[in-house]
Protein backbone atom coordinates (compact mmCIF):
# COMPACT_ATOMS: atom_id res chain seq x y z
CA MET A 1 136.17 92.51 110.69
CA SER A 2 136.96 94.67 107.67
CA ILE A 3 134.22 95.94 105.37
CA CYS A 4 135.81 94.07 102.44
CA PHE A 5 135.79 90.77 104.33
CA GLN A 6 132.19 91.32 105.47
CA ARG A 7 131.09 91.91 101.87
CA LEU A 8 132.99 88.84 100.67
CA LEU A 9 131.41 86.72 103.40
CA ALA A 10 127.92 88.06 102.60
CA THR A 11 128.45 87.35 98.89
CA LEU A 12 129.60 83.80 99.60
CA VAL A 13 126.59 83.16 101.82
CA LEU A 14 124.21 84.44 99.11
CA VAL A 15 125.90 82.36 96.40
CA ALA A 16 125.78 79.26 98.59
CA ALA A 17 122.09 79.80 99.33
CA ALA A 18 121.28 80.28 95.65
CA TRP A 19 123.33 77.22 94.69
CA THR A 20 121.52 75.12 97.30
CA ASP A 21 118.12 76.22 95.94
CA ASP A 22 119.24 75.47 92.36
CA ALA A 23 120.50 72.03 93.37
CA ARG A 24 117.17 71.29 95.06
CA ALA A 25 115.27 72.41 91.92
CA GLU A 26 117.21 69.86 89.86
CA GLU A 27 116.22 67.12 92.33
CA LEU A 28 112.45 67.65 92.14
CA SER A 29 110.35 64.55 91.54
CA SER A 30 107.87 64.58 88.67
CA ALA A 31 105.04 65.08 91.19
CA GLU A 32 106.87 68.06 92.71
CA LYS A 33 107.50 69.56 89.26
CA GLU A 34 103.84 69.16 88.27
CA ALA A 35 102.56 70.60 91.56
CA SER A 36 105.03 73.48 91.34
CA ALA A 37 103.84 74.28 87.80
CA MET A 38 100.24 74.25 89.03
CA LEU A 39 101.09 76.70 91.83
CA GLU A 40 102.85 78.99 89.33
CA SER A 41 99.75 78.94 87.14
CA TYR A 42 97.53 79.52 90.18
CA THR A 43 99.39 82.62 91.33
CA ALA A 44 99.65 83.99 87.78
CA SER A 45 95.90 83.52 87.30
CA PHE A 46 94.78 85.32 90.44
CA ALA A 47 94.94 88.81 88.92
CA SER A 48 93.46 87.96 85.54
CA LYS A 49 90.80 85.29 86.07
CA SER A 50 87.35 85.47 87.58
CA ALA A 51 86.58 83.63 90.80
CA GLU A 52 84.65 81.06 88.77
CA GLU A 53 87.71 80.45 86.58
CA MET A 54 89.82 79.85 89.70
CA VAL A 55 87.68 76.92 90.93
CA PRO A 56 89.65 74.24 88.99
CA PHE A 57 92.73 74.99 91.11
CA PHE A 58 90.92 73.81 94.25
CA HIS A 59 89.96 70.41 95.57
CA ILE A 60 86.41 69.92 96.82
CA PRO A 61 86.33 69.78 99.81
CA MET A 62 89.02 72.35 100.62
CA LEU A 63 90.17 73.82 103.93
CA ALA A 64 91.58 77.30 104.51
CA VAL A 65 93.34 77.61 107.87
CA PHE A 66 94.02 80.98 109.48
CA ASP A 67 95.08 81.95 113.00
CA THR A 68 91.52 83.21 113.45
CA GLY A 69 89.79 79.99 112.38
CA VAL A 70 89.20 77.36 109.73
CA VAL A 71 86.99 77.67 106.66
CA ALA A 72 85.70 74.43 105.14
CA MET A 73 84.53 74.64 101.54
CA ASN A 74 82.41 71.75 100.31
CA ARG A 75 80.97 73.16 97.08
CA ASN A 76 82.19 75.07 94.04
CA LEU A 77 80.07 78.01 95.21
CA ASP A 78 82.01 78.08 98.51
CA ILE A 79 85.28 78.30 96.56
CA VAL A 80 83.89 81.07 94.33
CA ARG A 81 82.83 83.13 97.35
CA TYR A 82 86.19 82.54 99.06
CA VAL A 83 88.15 83.64 95.97
CA GLN A 84 85.82 86.62 95.43
CA SER A 85 86.49 87.83 98.98
CA ILE A 86 90.25 87.63 98.42
CA GLN A 87 90.07 89.26 94.99
CA SER A 88 87.89 92.06 96.39
CA LYS A 89 90.45 92.87 99.08
CA LEU A 90 93.26 92.74 96.51
CA THR A 91 91.36 95.08 94.16
CA GLU A 92 91.05 97.62 96.99
CA MET A 93 94.86 97.55 97.26
CA ASP A 94 95.33 97.96 93.45
CA TYR A 95 96.78 94.43 93.27
CA ALA A 96 98.53 93.60 89.99
CA TYR A 97 100.63 90.46 90.55
CA SER A 98 102.62 88.34 93.02
CA ASN A 99 106.10 86.84 92.97
CA TRP A 100 107.26 83.92 95.09
CA THR A 101 110.19 84.83 97.30
CA LYS A 102 110.44 81.23 98.53
CA LEU A 103 108.84 78.07 97.23
CA ARG A 104 109.65 74.85 99.05
CA ILE A 105 107.98 71.66 97.91
CA LYS A 106 108.02 68.06 99.10
CA GLU A 107 106.31 64.96 97.73
CA LEU A 108 104.69 62.92 100.49
CA ASN A 109 103.59 60.21 98.06
CA SER A 110 102.60 60.07 94.40
CA GLY A 111 99.28 61.78 95.11
CA LEU A 112 100.18 64.27 97.88
CA VAL A 113 102.58 67.19 97.91
CA VAL A 114 103.22 69.90 100.52
CA ALA A 115 104.40 73.33 99.37
CA SER A 116 105.43 76.12 101.70
CA THR A 117 105.83 79.60 100.25
CA SER A 118 106.36 83.26 100.79
CA ALA A 119 105.40 85.87 98.25
CA ILE A 120 105.34 89.59 97.64
CA ARG A 121 102.21 91.20 96.23
CA TYR A 122 102.61 94.26 94.00
CA ASN A 123 100.28 97.04 92.91
CA GLY A 124 99.89 98.44 89.41
CA ASP A 125 102.84 100.80 89.92
CA GLY A 126 105.13 97.96 91.00
CA GLY A 127 105.02 98.96 94.66
CA ILE A 128 104.88 96.33 97.38
CA ILE A 129 101.45 96.08 98.97
CA ALA A 130 101.88 92.93 101.06
CA GLU A 131 104.21 90.10 101.99
CA THR A 132 102.54 86.77 102.62
CA GLY A 133 103.30 83.24 103.70
CA SER A 134 101.28 80.18 102.76
CA THR A 135 101.56 76.43 103.05
CA TYR A 136 99.55 74.22 100.73
CA VAL A 137 98.61 70.56 100.78
CA LEU A 138 98.09 69.53 97.16
CA ARG A 139 96.28 66.39 96.06
CA LYS A 140 96.50 64.84 92.62
CA ALA A 141 92.98 64.39 91.26
CA GLU A 142 91.92 62.85 87.95
CA ASP A 143 92.24 66.24 86.24
CA GLY A 144 95.49 67.40 87.87
CA TRP A 145 96.89 68.84 91.08
CA LYS A 146 94.45 70.65 93.38
CA ILE A 147 94.80 72.75 96.53
CA ALA A 148 93.22 70.64 99.28
CA THR A 149 94.41 72.74 102.21
CA PHE A 150 95.68 76.31 102.40
CA ILE A 151 97.39 77.53 105.58
CA SER A 152 98.13 81.22 106.06
CA HIS A 153 101.26 82.17 108.02
CA ALA A 154 103.92 84.83 108.30
CA PRO A 155 106.31 85.05 105.33
CA ASP A 156 109.27 84.23 107.58
CA ARG A 157 107.67 80.90 108.62
CA VAL A 158 108.18 78.98 105.38
CA LEU A 159 108.74 75.31 106.19
CA PRO A 160 112.18 74.00 105.15
CA LEU A 161 110.78 70.72 103.72
CA ASP A 162 114.24 69.16 103.40
């Protein structure tokens, strides 16, 4: 296969993938749009807000699931301590911000949404410090969408949620 043909094929594949993602974005339900906006706000807030200010993003109770175990948080104080531990680790790495590399979202019903993501975390110089994968179960509460369950996974394990 010639280099020119390989480049053309690669370009077509990238354009098709981008077009598919754009088409999916136009098809989002109102619940998916609201939950997606909440997740955008959540990730943007992580670097600038205190752990106490992050509590409204979380449902009480909330579960965090890792390959090493499950953490159940039943009080605001549990959420604050959880967020503080994450923010402390990020500070040690000179964390500045994150960008989603993938964000897949699916409404299960009017009050439940699943979102599966991958993200890149950057330091103050714009260097990559980590690549992450996360899946969230979001529940609509009286005061908006909340993270009810967080599942940590490899960034290449984002659920398709078609």
